[in-house]
């Protein structure tokens, strides 16, 4: 198979035609132009090469696509996953599934629990996560991300962070006190 980046038309011609300096110069010029064209074509591949784009291109693409909850401060892996999920997100925007995808893309874990699952009011929901970094500034970013993705008629009851501490030792103690009660009447002498 011929590698187009290094291919030359001189490779396709018979040897007696490539012996002249004019033919070699023409083959070199054509090879340089093909190389420039191939390099420029590589730069046009955006969607098929999201994993190869740098931060600046990812930020520009996210602004163009109006990716919800995108921040230039995110790690490059988070940016790529948000961009990849942008079009499917717009297909199901406002649903619990879209909310679930955004939560997983930004915070790596979490679960949307609808009102009927925990006995809440109609159109309410909660988000449960085990990510301990969802506190302080990250909590504000977390609720802003949820507000941007959720349907406007739904209400977030709260974000519940389950701190899974793993194995834990619990000490318990118990004491039993058994006694009888005896009442003696007072004797008068």
C-alpha atoms as a PDB file:
ATOM      1  CA  UNK A   1       0.000   0.000   0.000  1.00  0.00           C
ATOM      2  CA  UNK A   2       1.298   3.466  -0.882  1.00  0.00           C
ATOM      3  CA  UNK A   3       1.662   6.016   1.893  1.00  0.00           C
ATOM      4  CA  UNK A   4       0.204   9.213   0.405  1.00  0.00           C
ATOM      5  CA  UNK A   5       2.341  11.439   2.612  1.00  0.00           C
ATOM      6  CA  UNK A   6       5.558  10.082   1.070  1.00  0.00           C
ATOM      7  CA  UNK A   7       4.258   9.101  -2.370  1.00  0.00           C
ATOM      8  CA  UNK A   8       5.783  10.541  -5.495  1.00  0.00           C
ATOM      9  CA  UNK A   9       4.516  10.397  -9.043  1.00  0.00           C
ATOM     10  CA  UNK A  10       8.041   9.373 -10.010  1.00  0.00           C
ATOM     11  CA  UNK A  11       7.341   6.051  -8.301  1.00  0.00           C
ATOM     12  CA  UNK A  12       4.571   5.392 -10.811  1.00  0.00           C
ATOM     13  CA  UNK A  13       6.536   6.298 -13.936  1.00  0.00           C
ATOM     14  CA  UNK A  14       8.939   4.075 -15.830  1.00  0.00           C
ATOM     15  CA  UNK A  15      12.632   4.561 -15.018  1.00  0.00           C
ATOM     16  CA  UNK A  16      13.543   6.096 -18.355  1.00  0.00           C
ATOM     17  CA  UNK A  17      10.986   8.920 -17.736  1.00  0.00           C
ATOM     18  CA  UNK A  18      12.255   9.734 -14.246  1.00  0.00           C
ATOM     19  CA  UNK A  19      15.879  10.097 -15.329  1.00  0.00           C
ATOM     20  CA  UNK A  20      15.529  13.707 -16.424  1.00  0.00           C
ATOM     21  CA  UNK A  21      15.967  16.526 -13.878  1.00  0.00           C
ATOM     22  CA  UNK A  22      12.763  18.166 -15.091  1.00  0.00           C
ATOM     23  CA  UNK A  23      10.695  15.074 -14.253  1.00  0.00           C
ATOM     24  CA  UNK A  24      12.366  14.764 -10.842  1.00  0.00           C
ATOM     25  CA  UNK A  25      11.673  18.451 -10.120  1.00  0.00           C
ATOM     26  CA  UNK A  26       8.044  18.097 -11.187  1.00  0.00           C
ATOM     27  CA  UNK A  27       7.632  14.948  -9.054  1.00  0.00           C
ATOM     28  CA  UNK A  28       9.162  16.755  -6.056  1.00  0.00           C
ATOM     29  CA  UNK A  29       6.874  19.788  -6.486  1.00  0.00           C
ATOM     30  CA  UNK A  30       3.762  17.604  -6.796  1.00  0.00           C
ATOM     31  CA  UNK A  31       4.808  15.579  -3.717  1.00  0.00           C
ATOM     32  CA  UNK A  32       5.205  18.790  -1.674  1.00  0.00           C
ATOM     33  CA  UNK A  33       1.779  20.042  -2.715  1.00  0.00           C
ATOM     34  CA  UNK A  34       0.133  16.686  -1.958  1.00  0.00           C
ATOM     35  CA  UNK A  35       1.840  16.704   1.466  1.00  0.00           C
ATOM     36  CA  UNK A  36       0.480  20.222   2.186  1.00  0.00           C
ATOM     37  CA  UNK A  37      -2.992  19.179   1.079  1.00  0.00           C
ATOM     38  CA  UNK A  38      -2.927  16.042   3.255  1.00  0.00           C
ATOM     39  CA  UNK A  39      -1.717  18.036   6.276  1.00  0.00           C
ATOM     40  CA  UNK A  40      -4.476  20.615   5.784  1.00  0.00           C
ATOM     41  CA  UNK A  41      -7.048  17.813   5.420  1.00  0.00           C
ATOM     42  CA  UNK A  42      -5.925  16.362   8.768  1.00  0.00           C
ATOM     43  CA  UNK A  43      -6.684  19.717  10.393  1.00  0.00           C
ATOM     44  CA  UNK A  44     -10.273  19.643   9.135  1.00  0.00           C
ATOM     45  CA  UNK A  45     -11.144  16.415  10.915  1.00  0.00           C
ATOM     46  CA  UNK A  46     -12.846  17.646  14.066  1.00  0.00           C
ATOM     47  CA  UNK A  47     -15.607  15.276  15.144  1.00  0.00           C
ATOM     48  CA  UNK A  48     -13.727  12.173  14.125  1.00  0.00           C
ATOM     49  CA  UNK A  49     -10.633  13.401  15.995  1.00  0.00           C
ATOM     50  CA  UNK A  50     -12.031  14.799  19.281  1.00  0.00           C
ATOM     51  CA  UNK A  51      -9.558  12.643  21.205  1.00  0.00           C
ATOM     52  CA  UNK A  52      -6.692  14.316  19.343  1.00  0.00           C
ATOM     53  CA  UNK A  53      -7.757  17.952  19.721  1.00  0.00           C
ATOM     54  CA  UNK A  54      -5.973  20.320  22.084  1.00  0.00           C
ATOM     55  CA  UNK A  55      -7.606  22.490  24.760  1.00  0.00           C
ATOM     56  CA  UNK A  56      -8.037  25.577  22.563  1.00  0.00           C
ATOM     57  CA  UNK A  57      -9.838  23.645  19.820  1.00  0.00           C
ATOM     58  CA  UNK A  58     -12.007  21.814  22.347  1.00  0.00           C
ATOM     59  CA  UNK A  59     -12.999  25.136  23.944  1.00  0.00           C
ATOM     60  CA  UNK A  60     -13.852  26.665  20.557  1.00  0.00           C
ATOM     61  CA  UNK A  61     -15.887  23.631  19.527  1.00  0.00           C
ATOM     62  CA  UNK A  62     -17.762  23.649  22.842  1.00  0.00           C
ATOM     63  CA  UNK A  63     -18.629  27.332  22.413  1.00  0.00           C
ATOM     64  CA  UNK A  64     -19.859  26.654  18.881  1.00  0.00           C
ATOM     65  CA  UNK A  65     -21.964  23.679  20.006  1.00  0.00           C
ATOM     66  CA  UNK A  66     -23.202  25.471  23.160  1.00  0.00           C
ATOM     67  CA  UNK A  67     -22.327  22.433  25.243  1.00  0.00           C
ATOM     68  CA  UNK A  68     -24.207  22.665  28.546  1.00  0.00           C
ATOM     69  CA  UNK A  69     -22.120  22.862  31.729  1.00  0.00           C
ATOM     70  CA  UNK A  70     -18.863  23.149  29.829  1.00  0.00           C
ATOM     71  CA  UNK A  71     -16.062  24.969  31.587  1.00  0.00           C
ATOM     72  CA  UNK A  72     -12.591  25.781  30.311  1.00  0.00           C
ATOM     73  CA  UNK A  73     -11.275  24.812  33.755  1.00  0.00           C
ATOM     74  CA  UNK A  74     -12.281  21.156  33.353  1.00  0.00           C
ATOM     75  CA  UNK A  75      -9.679  18.495  32.685  1.00  0.00           C
ATOM     76  CA  UNK A  76      -9.193  17.615  29.034  1.00  0.00           C
ATOM     77  CA  UNK A  77     -10.852  14.200  29.477  1.00  0.00           C
ATOM     78  CA  UNK A  78     -14.005  15.795  30.911  1.00  0.00           C
ATOM     79  CA  UNK A  79     -14.081  18.302  28.041  1.00  0.00           C
ATOM     80  CA  UNK A  80     -13.873  15.501  25.487  1.00  0.00           C
ATOM     81  CA  UNK A  81     -16.623  13.450  27.126  1.00  0.00           C
ATOM     82  CA  UNK A  82     -18.926  16.510  27.295  1.00  0.00           C
ATOM     83  CA  UNK A  83     -18.343  17.264  23.614  1.00  0.00           C
ATOM     84  CA  UNK A  84     -18.997  13.660  22.618  1.00  0.00           C
ATOM     85  CA  UNK A  85     -22.244  13.695  24.595  1.00  0.00           C
ATOM     86  CA  UNK A  86     -23.456  17.087  23.277  1.00  0.00           C
ATOM     87  CA  UNK A  87     -25.497  15.926  20.286  1.00  0.00           C
ATOM     88  CA  UNK A  88     -27.110  12.947  22.075  1.00  0.00           C
ATOM     89  CA  UNK A  89     -27.804  15.290  24.991  1.00  0.00           C
ATOM     90  CA  UNK A  90     -29.734  17.717  22.791  1.00  0.00           C
ATOM     91  CA  UNK A  91     -31.779  14.791  21.506  1.00  0.00           C
ATOM     92  CA  UNK A  92     -33.054  14.055  25.010  1.00  0.00           C
ATOM     93  CA  UNK A  93     -32.661  17.380  26.795  1.00  0.00           C
ATOM     94  CA  UNK A  94     -34.833  17.832  29.860  1.00  0.00           C
ATOM     95  CA  UNK A  95     -35.123  14.135  30.637  1.00  0.00           C
ATOM     96  CA  UNK A  96     -33.737  12.208  33.586  1.00  0.00           C
ATOM     97  CA  UNK A  97     -31.425  10.389  31.179  1.00  0.00           C
ATOM     98  CA  UNK A  98     -29.808  13.628  30.021  1.00  0.00           C
ATOM     99  CA  UNK A  99     -29.390  14.705  33.614  1.00  0.00           C
ATOM    100  CA  UNK A 100     -27.803  11.356  34.448  1.00  0.00           C
ATOM    101  CA  UNK A 101     -25.303  11.651  31.573  1.00  0.00           C
ATOM    102  CA  UNK A 102     -24.201  15.155  32.593  1.00  0.00           C
ATOM    103  CA  UNK A 103     -23.765  14.076  36.209  1.00  0.00           C
ATOM    104  CA  UNK A 104     -21.631  11.103  35.163  1.00  0.00           C
ATOM    105  CA  UNK A 105     -19.583  13.131  32.678  1.00  0.00           C
ATOM    106  CA  UNK A 106     -18.670  15.898  35.124  1.00  0.00           C
ATOM    107  CA  UNK A 107     -18.665  14.186  38.509  1.00  0.00           C
ATOM    108  CA  UNK A 108     -17.975  10.566  37.476  1.00  0.00           C
ATOM    109  CA  UNK A 109     -20.832   9.136  39.529  1.00  0.00           C
ATOM    110  CA  UNK A 110     -24.284   9.983  40.705  1.00  0.00           C
ATOM    111  CA  UNK A 111     -27.864   8.884  40.402  1.00  0.00           C
ATOM    112  CA  UNK A 112     -31.088  10.749  39.705  1.00  0.00           C
ATOM    113  CA  UNK A 113     -33.954   9.576  41.904  1.00  0.00           C
ATOM    114  CA  UNK A 114     -37.433  10.650  40.834  1.00  0.00           C
ATOM    115  CA  UNK A 115     -40.080  11.852  43.314  1.00  0.00           C
ATOM    116  CA  UNK A 116     -42.101   8.643  43.285  1.00  0.00           C
ATOM    117  CA  UNK A 117     -39.060   6.571  44.347  1.00  0.00           C
ATOM    118  CA  UNK A 118     -38.575   8.415  47.642  1.00  0.00           C
ATOM    119  CA  UNK A 119     -42.104   9.660  48.353  1.00  0.00           C
ATOM    120  CA  UNK A 120     -41.588  13.274  47.333  1.00  0.00           C
ATOM    121  CA  UNK A 121     -43.966  15.725  45.681  1.00  0.00           C
ATOM    122  CA  UNK A 122     -44.823  15.569  41.991  1.00  0.00           C
ATOM    123  CA  UNK A 123     -42.123  16.856  39.606  1.00  0.00           C
ATOM    124  CA  UNK A 124     -39.422  16.778  42.288  1.00  0.00           C
ATOM    125  CA  UNK A 125     -36.210  14.786  42.249  1.00  0.00           C
ATOM    126  CA  UNK A 126     -33.024  14.200  44.213  1.00  0.00           C
ATOM    127  CA  UNK A 127     -29.484  13.480  43.142  1.00  0.00           C
ATOM    128  CA  UNK A 128     -27.457  10.936  45.072  1.00  0.00           C
ATOM    129  CA  UNK A 129     -23.677  10.762  44.690  1.00  0.00           C
ATOM    130  CA  UNK A 130     -20.742   9.163  46.435  1.00  0.00           C
ATOM    131  CA  UNK A 131     -18.263  11.736  45.134  1.00  0.00           C
ATOM    132  CA  UNK A 132     -16.805  13.399  48.262  1.00  0.00           C
ATOM    133  CA  UNK A 133     -15.543  16.393  46.252  1.00  0.00           C
ATOM    134  CA  UNK A 134     -19.130  17.633  45.797  1.00  0.00           C
ATOM    135  CA  UNK A 135     -18.873  20.186  48.571  1.00  0.00           C
ATOM    136  CA  UNK A 136     -18.233  23.918  48.791  1.00  0.00           C
ATOM    137  CA  UNK A 137     -17.472  25.432  45.399  1.00  0.00           C
ATOM    138  CA  UNK A 138     -17.947  22.101  43.657  1.00  0.00           C
ATOM    139  CA  UNK A 139     -21.449  21.825  45.182  1.00  0.00           C
ATOM    140  CA  UNK A 140     -22.419  25.171  43.653  1.00  0.00           C
ATOM    141  CA  UNK A 141     -21.066  24.016  40.295  1.00  0.00           C
ATOM    142  CA  UNK A 142     -22.909  20.712  40.715  1.00  0.00           C
ATOM    143  CA  UNK A 143     -26.286  22.388  41.354  1.00  0.00           C
ATOM    144  CA  UNK A 144     -25.679  24.854  38.499  1.00  0.00           C
ATOM    145  CA  UNK A 145     -25.021  21.933  36.151  1.00  0.00           C
ATOM    146  CA  UNK A 146     -28.218  20.248  37.278  1.00  0.00           C
ATOM    147  CA  UNK A 147     -30.237  23.464  36.880  1.00  0.00           C
ATOM    148  CA  UNK A 148     -28.948  23.922  33.335  1.00  0.00           C
ATOM    149  CA  UNK A 149     -29.905  20.409  32.255  1.00  0.00           C
ATOM    150  CA  UNK A 150     -33.144  19.699  34.098  1.00  0.00           C
ATOM    151  CA  UNK A 151     -36.587  20.506  32.797  1.00  0.00           C
ATOM    152  CA  UNK A 152     -37.685  23.919  34.064  1.00  0.00           C
ATOM    153  CA  UNK A 153     -40.860  22.506  35.598  1.00  0.00           C
ATOM    154  CA  UNK A 154     -38.966  20.091  37.846  1.00  0.00           C
ATOM    155  CA  UNK A 155     -37.598  20.964  41.271  1.00  0.00           C
ATOM    156  CA  UNK A 156     -34.392  19.687  42.815  1.00  0.00           C
ATOM    157  CA  UNK A 157     -35.109  18.624  46.400  1.00  0.00           C
ATOM    158  CA  UNK A 158     -31.462  18.196  47.218  1.00  0.00           C
ATOM    159  CA  UNK A 159     -28.128  16.604  46.532  1.00  0.00           C
ATOM    160  CA  UNK A 160     -27.332  13.756  48.876  1.00  0.00           C
ATOM    161  CA  UNK A 161     -23.645  12.898  49.220  1.00  0.00           C
ATOM    162  CA  UNK A 162     -23.171   9.408  50.600  1.00  0.00           C
ATOM    163  CA  UNK A 163     -19.780   9.291  52.251  1.00  0.00           C
ATOM    164  CA  UNK A 164     -18.736   5.714  51.797  1.00  0.00           C
ATOM    165  CA  UNK A 165     -15.983   5.204  54.321  1.00  0.00           C
ATOM    166  CA  UNK A 166     -15.495   1.592  53.452  1.00  0.00           C
ATOM    167  CA  UNK A 167     -14.922  -0.781  56.326  1.00  0.00           C
ATOM    168  CA  UNK A 168     -15.767   0.660  59.697  1.00  0.00           C
ATOM    169  CA  UNK A 169     -15.493  -0.714  63.233  1.00  0.00           C
ATOM    170  CA  UNK A 170     -18.445  -0.041  65.475  1.00  0.00           C
ATOM    171  CA  UNK A 171     -18.222  -0.657  69.219  1.00  0.00           C
ATOM    172  CA  UNK A 172     -21.410  -1.266  71.127  1.00  0.00           C
ATOM    173  CA  UNK A 173     -22.071  -1.906  74.771  1.00  0.00           C
ATOM    174  CA  UNK A 174     -25.067  -2.928  76.760  1.00  0.00           C
ATOM    175  CA  UNK A 175     -25.873  -3.217  80.418  1.00  0.00           C
ATOM    176  CA  UNK A 176     -28.837  -4.826  82.067  1.00  0.00           C
ATOM    177  CA  UNK A 177     -30.014  -3.828  85.506  1.00  0.00           C
ATOM    178  CA  UNK A 178     -32.570  -6.079  87.098  1.00  0.00           C
ATOM    179  CA  UNK A 179     -34.043  -5.090  90.406  1.00  0.00           C
ATOM    180  CA  UNK A 180     -37.054  -5.756  92.514  1.00  0.00           C
ATOM    181  CA  UNK A 181     -38.947  -3.106  94.284  1.00  0.00           C
ATOM    182  CA  UNK A 182     -40.151  -3.632  97.798  1.00  0.00           C
ATOM    183  CA  UNK A 183     -42.264  -1.099  99.608  1.00  0.00           C
ATOM    184  CA  UNK A 184     -42.299  -1.337 103.414  1.00  0.00           C
ATOM    185  CA  UNK A 185     -44.963   0.374 105.383  1.00  0.00           C
ATOM    186  CA  UNK A 186     -43.790   2.688 108.129  1.00  0.00           C
ATOM    187  CA  UNK A 187     -44.358   1.268 111.558  1.00  0.00           C
ATOM    188  CA  UNK A 188     -45.484   3.437 114.428  1.00  0.00           C
ATOM    189  CA  UNK A 189     -44.513   2.565 117.817  1.00  0.00           C
END
